[in-house]
Amino acid sequence: MSLPITSGTSVLGTALSGMRAAQLRLDSSAHNVANVQTPDFRRQVVTQSARPDQGGVDARVEREPAGAATGTEGFGRLAEDLVGQRLSLYSFEANLRTVQAHDRMLGALLDTKA
């Protein structure tokens, strides 16, 4: 699944695409944790690709190839998923702060021009 984000500026577009990618990684990781004991479960993985012409990233959720799981009874990568969830939260917050800074700067510019 790829959801392009468009905006008027590359800074805002980059931050919004980063937020969306972080959300997809968090959702995917939570899905993997919730289904770790499901028979024949195939993990979700998020792949990202840079958008050099627009800035930011495109993110897609895909299924891990069959037989790629490691560990006993699907628990082998549980720690990886839990750490991934925390990293996704930090990434989302960092991109959110960029959006907030952009908003403040735009507001200051409009106040100056008014």
N, C-alpha and C. Protein backbone atom coordinates (compact mmCIF):
# COMPACT_ATOMS: atom_id res chain seq x y z
N MET A 1 0.85 -1.16 0.00
CA MET A 1 0.00 0.00 0.00
C MET A 1 0.89 1.22 0.00
N SER A 2 0.70 2.13 -0.91
CA SER A 2 1.48 3.34 -0.99
C SER A 2 0.53 4.52 -0.99
N LEU A 3 0.75 5.45 -0.06
CA LEU A 3 -0.10 6.62 0.03
C LEU A 3 0.75 7.86 -0.15
N PRO A 4 0.72 8.46 -1.34
CA PRO A 4 1.51 9.66 -1.54
C PRO A 4 0.92 10.84 -0.78
N ILE A 5 1.77 11.68 -0.26
CA ILE A 5 1.36 12.88 0.45
C ILE A 5 1.82 14.06 -0.38
N THR A 6 0.90 14.96 -0.68
CA THR A 6 1.28 16.15 -1.42
C THR A 6 1.08 17.37 -0.55
N SER A 7 1.89 18.36 -0.75
CA SER A 7 1.75 19.60 0.01
C SER A 7 2.35 20.72 -0.80
N GLY A 8 2.22 21.93 -0.27
CA GLY A 8 2.73 23.09 -0.95
C GLY A 8 4.23 23.27 -0.81
N THR A 9 4.82 22.72 0.21
CA THR A 9 6.26 22.89 0.41
C THR A 9 6.92 21.54 0.62
N SER A 10 8.20 21.47 0.26
CA SER A 10 8.90 20.20 0.41
C SER A 10 9.15 19.87 1.88
N VAL A 11 9.34 20.87 2.73
CA VAL A 11 9.57 20.60 4.16
C VAL A 11 8.33 19.95 4.76
N LEU A 12 7.19 20.52 4.48
CA LEU A 12 5.94 19.97 5.01
C LEU A 12 5.66 18.59 4.42
N GLY A 13 5.87 18.44 3.13
CA GLY A 13 5.64 17.15 2.48
C GLY A 13 6.55 16.06 3.01
N THR A 14 7.82 16.43 3.26
CA THR A 14 8.77 15.47 3.82
C THR A 14 8.33 15.04 5.21
N ALA A 15 7.95 15.99 6.04
CA ALA A 15 7.51 15.66 7.41
C ALA A 15 6.24 14.82 7.41
N LEU A 16 5.28 15.18 6.57
CA LEU A 16 4.03 14.41 6.52
C LEU A 16 4.25 12.99 6.02
N SER A 17 5.11 12.83 5.02
CA SER A 17 5.38 11.48 4.53
C SER A 17 6.12 10.67 5.59
N GLY A 18 6.99 11.32 6.36
CA GLY A 18 7.68 10.64 7.46
C GLY A 18 6.71 10.21 8.54
N MET A 19 5.72 11.05 8.83
CA MET A 19 4.70 10.69 9.83
C MET A 19 3.89 9.49 9.36
N ARG A 20 3.53 9.50 8.08
CA ARG A 20 2.74 8.39 7.55
C ARG A 20 3.55 7.09 7.56
N ALA A 21 4.82 7.17 7.21
CA ALA A 21 5.68 5.98 7.24
C ALA A 21 5.82 5.45 8.66
N ALA A 22 5.99 6.35 9.63
CA ALA A 22 6.10 5.93 11.03
C ALA A 22 4.81 5.26 11.49
N GLN A 23 3.67 5.81 11.08
CA GLN A 23 2.38 5.21 11.45
C GLN A 23 2.23 3.82 10.85
N LEU A 24 2.64 3.66 9.59
CA LEU A 24 2.56 2.34 8.96
C LEU A 24 3.46 1.33 9.67
N ARG A 25 4.66 1.77 10.06
CA ARG A 25 5.58 0.87 10.78
C ARG A 25 4.99 0.47 12.13
N LEU A 26 4.38 1.43 12.83
CA LEU A 26 3.76 1.12 14.12
C LEU A 26 2.59 0.15 13.95
N ASP A 27 1.73 0.42 12.98
CA ASP A 27 0.59 -0.46 12.72
C ASP A 27 1.04 -1.87 12.35
N SER A 28 2.03 -1.96 11.50
CA SER A 28 2.54 -3.25 11.06
C SER A 28 3.15 -4.04 12.21
N SER A 29 3.93 -3.35 13.03
CA SER A 29 4.56 -3.99 14.18
C SER A 29 3.50 -4.48 15.17
N ALA A 30 2.50 -3.67 15.43
CA ALA A 30 1.41 -4.07 16.33
C ALA A 30 0.67 -5.28 15.77
N HIS A 31 0.46 -5.29 14.47
CA HIS A 31 -0.20 -6.43 13.81
C HIS A 31 0.63 -7.70 14.00
N ASN A 32 1.95 -7.58 13.86
CA ASN A 32 2.83 -8.73 14.02
C ASN A 32 2.79 -9.27 15.45
N VAL A 33 2.79 -8.38 16.44
CA VAL A 33 2.74 -8.79 17.84
C VAL A 33 1.40 -9.47 18.15
N ALA A 34 0.33 -8.86 17.66
CA ALA A 34 -1.01 -9.41 17.94
C ALA A 34 -1.23 -10.79 17.34
N ASN A 35 -0.54 -11.09 16.25
CA ASN A 35 -0.78 -12.34 15.54
C ASN A 35 0.35 -13.35 15.66
N VAL A 36 1.25 -13.14 16.61
CA VAL A 36 2.44 -13.99 16.72
C VAL A 36 2.08 -15.47 16.91
N GLN A 37 0.95 -15.78 17.52
CA GLN A 37 0.57 -17.17 17.76
C GLN A 37 -0.41 -17.72 16.73
N THR A 38 -0.73 -16.94 15.73
CA THR A 38 -1.65 -17.40 14.69
C THR A 38 -0.94 -18.42 13.79
N PRO A 39 -1.55 -19.58 13.58
CA PRO A 39 -0.93 -20.59 12.71
C PRO A 39 -0.71 -20.05 11.29
N ASP A 40 0.43 -20.37 10.72
CA ASP A 40 0.80 -19.98 9.35
C ASP A 40 0.81 -18.46 9.14
N PHE A 41 1.01 -17.72 10.21
CA PHE A 41 1.05 -16.26 10.10
C PHE A 41 2.32 -15.80 9.38
N ARG A 42 2.16 -14.87 8.47
CA ARG A 42 3.30 -14.25 7.79
C ARG A 42 3.38 -12.79 8.23
N ARG A 43 4.51 -12.42 8.74
CA ARG A 43 4.71 -11.08 9.27
C ARG A 43 4.54 -10.01 8.18
N GLN A 44 4.15 -8.83 8.62
CA GLN A 44 4.13 -7.68 7.74
C GLN A 44 5.47 -6.96 7.86
N VAL A 45 5.94 -6.43 6.77
CA VAL A 45 7.14 -5.60 6.77
C VAL A 45 6.82 -4.32 6.00
N VAL A 46 7.41 -3.24 6.43
CA VAL A 46 7.21 -1.95 5.76
C VAL A 46 8.47 -1.63 4.97
N THR A 47 8.30 -1.38 3.70
CA THR A 47 9.43 -0.96 2.86
C THR A 47 9.25 0.51 2.52
N GLN A 48 10.34 1.24 2.56
CA GLN A 48 10.31 2.66 2.26
C GLN A 48 11.23 2.93 1.08
N SER A 49 10.82 3.89 0.28
CA SER A 49 11.67 4.33 -0.83
C SER A 49 11.64 5.86 -0.86
N ALA A 50 12.80 6.42 -1.14
CA ALA A 50 12.94 7.88 -1.17
C ALA A 50 12.21 8.45 -2.39
N ARG A 51 11.72 9.65 -2.22
CA ARG A 51 11.12 10.41 -3.32
C ARG A 51 12.02 11.61 -3.60
N PRO A 52 13.10 11.43 -4.35
CA PRO A 52 14.05 12.52 -4.54
C PRO A 52 13.47 13.73 -5.26
N ASP A 53 12.49 13.52 -6.13
CA ASP A 53 11.91 14.64 -6.87
C ASP A 53 10.98 15.49 -6.01
N GLN A 54 10.36 14.91 -4.98
CA GLN A 54 9.40 15.64 -4.15
C GLN A 54 9.87 15.79 -2.70
N GLY A 55 10.81 14.98 -2.29
CA GLY A 55 11.20 14.94 -0.88
C GLY A 55 10.33 13.96 -0.14
N GLY A 56 10.84 13.42 0.93
CA GLY A 56 10.07 12.49 1.73
C GLY A 56 10.24 11.05 1.27
N VAL A 57 9.32 10.21 1.72
CA VAL A 57 9.38 8.79 1.44
C VAL A 57 8.00 8.25 1.05
N ASP A 58 8.02 7.17 0.30
CA ASP A 58 6.82 6.37 0.08
C ASP A 58 6.99 5.12 0.92
N ALA A 59 5.95 4.69 1.60
CA ALA A 59 6.02 3.50 2.45
C ALA A 59 4.94 2.52 2.01
N ARG A 60 5.31 1.24 2.02
CA ARG A 60 4.39 0.17 1.63
C ARG A 60 4.45 -0.95 2.64
N VAL A 61 3.29 -1.53 2.91
CA VAL A 61 3.22 -2.71 3.77
C VAL A 61 3.16 -3.94 2.88
N GLU A 62 4.06 -4.89 3.15
CA GLU A 62 4.11 -6.13 2.38
C GLU A 62 4.17 -7.30 3.34
N ARG A 63 3.94 -8.49 2.82
CA ARG A 63 4.06 -9.72 3.61
C ARG A 63 5.47 -10.25 3.51
N GLU A 64 5.98 -10.73 4.62
CA GLU A 64 7.30 -11.37 4.61
C GLU A 64 7.18 -12.69 3.85
N PRO A 65 8.20 -13.06 3.09
CA PRO A 65 8.13 -14.32 2.36
C PRO A 65 7.90 -15.52 3.30
N ALA A 66 7.19 -16.51 2.83
CA ALA A 66 6.94 -17.71 3.63
C ALA A 66 8.25 -18.36 4.02
N GLY A 67 8.35 -18.81 5.26
CA GLY A 67 9.54 -19.49 5.74
C GLY A 67 10.63 -18.56 6.21
N ALA A 68 10.40 -17.25 6.19
CA ALA A 68 11.43 -16.29 6.61
C ALA A 68 11.46 -16.09 8.12
N ALA A 69 10.45 -16.56 8.83
CA ALA A 69 10.40 -16.38 10.28
C ALA A 69 11.53 -17.16 10.95
N THR A 70 12.05 -16.57 12.02
CA THR A 70 13.09 -17.24 12.80
C THR A 70 12.61 -17.40 14.23
N GLY A 71 13.21 -18.29 14.95
CA GLY A 71 12.85 -18.47 16.35
C GLY A 71 11.82 -19.56 16.53
N THR A 72 11.52 -19.84 17.77
CA THR A 72 10.60 -20.90 18.12
C THR A 72 9.18 -20.38 18.15
N GLU A 73 8.29 -21.02 17.42
CA GLU A 73 6.85 -20.74 17.43
C GLU A 73 6.53 -19.28 17.16
N GLY A 74 7.30 -18.61 16.32
CA GLY A 74 6.99 -17.24 15.93
C GLY A 74 7.42 -16.16 16.90
N PHE A 75 7.99 -16.52 18.03
CA PHE A 75 8.38 -15.52 19.01
C PHE A 75 9.78 -14.97 18.77
N GLY A 76 10.46 -15.48 17.76
CA GLY A 76 11.85 -15.11 17.53
C GLY A 76 12.09 -13.63 17.27
N ARG A 77 11.09 -12.92 16.72
CA ARG A 77 11.29 -11.52 16.37
C ARG A 77 10.39 -10.59 17.16
N LEU A 78 9.88 -11.08 18.26
CA LEU A 78 8.99 -10.27 19.10
C LEU A 78 9.72 -9.04 19.65
N ALA A 79 10.95 -9.21 20.10
CA ALA A 79 11.72 -8.08 20.64
C ALA A 79 11.95 -7.04 19.54
N GLU A 80 12.23 -7.50 18.33
CA GLU A 80 12.42 -6.58 17.20
C GLU A 80 11.16 -5.74 16.96
N ASP A 81 10.00 -6.37 17.07
CA ASP A 81 8.75 -5.65 16.88
C ASP A 81 8.52 -4.63 17.99
N LEU A 82 8.82 -4.99 19.21
CA LEU A 82 8.61 -4.07 20.32
C LEU A 82 9.54 -2.86 20.23
N VAL A 83 10.78 -3.09 19.86
CA VAL A 83 11.71 -1.98 19.66
C VAL A 83 11.26 -1.14 18.47
N GLY A 84 10.80 -1.78 17.41
CA GLY A 84 10.31 -1.07 16.24
C GLY A 84 9.14 -0.16 16.56
N GLN A 85 8.28 -0.58 17.48
CA GLN A 85 7.16 0.26 17.87
C GLN A 85 7.66 1.54 18.54
N ARG A 86 8.64 1.40 19.41
CA ARG A 86 9.19 2.57 20.09
C ARG A 86 9.88 3.51 19.09
N LEU A 87 10.64 2.94 18.16
CA LEU A 87 11.30 3.76 17.14
C LEU A 87 10.29 4.49 16.26
N SER A 88 9.19 3.84 15.96
CA SER A 88 8.14 4.47 15.17
C SER A 88 7.54 5.67 15.90
N LEU A 89 7.36 5.53 17.19
CA LEU A 89 6.83 6.65 17.97
C LEU A 89 7.79 7.83 17.97
N TYR A 90 9.08 7.56 18.13
CA TYR A 90 10.08 8.64 18.11
C TYR A 90 10.14 9.30 16.73
N SER A 91 10.07 8.51 15.69
CA SER A 91 10.10 9.04 14.34
C SER A 91 8.88 9.91 14.06
N PHE A 92 7.71 9.44 14.49
CA PHE A 92 6.49 10.22 14.31
C PHE A 92 6.60 11.55 15.04
N GLU A 93 7.08 11.51 16.28
CA GLU A 93 7.19 12.74 17.07
C GLU A 93 8.17 13.72 16.44
N ALA A 94 9.30 13.24 15.93
CA ALA A 94 10.28 14.12 15.29
C ALA A 94 9.68 14.80 14.06
N ASN A 95 8.94 14.04 13.27
CA ASN A 95 8.31 14.63 12.08
C ASN A 95 7.18 15.57 12.47
N LEU A 96 6.46 15.26 13.54
CA LEU A 96 5.41 16.15 14.02
C LEU A 96 6.00 17.49 14.45
N ARG A 97 7.13 17.46 15.12
CA ARG A 97 7.78 18.71 15.54
C ARG A 97 8.21 19.54 14.34
N THR A 98 8.58 18.89 13.26
CA THR A 98 8.91 19.61 12.03
C THR A 98 7.67 20.30 11.47
N VAL A 99 6.54 19.62 11.48
CA VAL A 99 5.28 20.21 11.02
C VAL A 99 4.91 21.40 11.91
N GLN A 100 5.06 21.24 13.21
CA GLN A 100 4.74 22.33 14.14
C GLN A 100 5.64 23.54 13.92
N ALA A 101 6.93 23.30 13.71
CA ALA A 101 7.86 24.40 13.45
C ALA A 101 7.50 25.11 12.15
N HIS A 102 7.14 24.33 11.13
CA HIS A 102 6.72 24.90 9.85
C HIS A 102 5.49 25.78 10.05
N ASP A 103 4.55 25.32 10.83
CA ASP A 103 3.33 26.07 11.10
C ASP A 103 3.64 27.38 11.83
N ARG A 104 4.52 27.32 12.82
CA ARG A 104 4.89 28.54 13.55
C ARG A 104 5.59 29.54 12.63
N MET A 105 6.49 29.04 11.80
CA MET A 105 7.22 29.92 10.89
C MET A 105 6.28 30.56 9.87
N LEU A 106 5.34 29.79 9.36
CA LEU A 106 4.39 30.33 8.41
C LEU A 106 3.50 31.38 9.07
N GLY A 107 3.08 31.11 10.31
CA GLY A 107 2.28 32.08 11.06
C GLY A 107 3.03 33.36 11.30
N ALA A 108 4.32 33.26 11.65
CA ALA A 108 5.14 34.46 11.87
C ALA A 108 5.29 35.25 10.59
N LEU A 109 5.46 34.56 9.47
CA LEU A 109 5.60 35.23 8.19
C LEU A 109 4.32 35.97 7.83
N LEU A 110 3.18 35.33 8.06
CA LEU A 110 1.90 35.98 7.77
C LEU A 110 1.67 37.18 8.68
N ASP A 111 2.07 37.08 9.95
CA ASP A 111 1.93 38.21 10.87
C ASP A 111 2.80 39.37 10.42
N THR A 112 4.00 39.08 9.91
CA THR A 112 4.91 40.11 9.45
C THR A 112 4.36 40.82 8.21
N LYS A 113 3.76 40.04 7.30
CA LYS A 113 3.23 40.60 6.06
C LYS A 113 1.92 41.34 6.27
N ALA A 114 1.19 41.05 7.34
CA ALA A 114 -0.13 41.65 7.57
C ALA A 114 -0.05 43.07 8.06
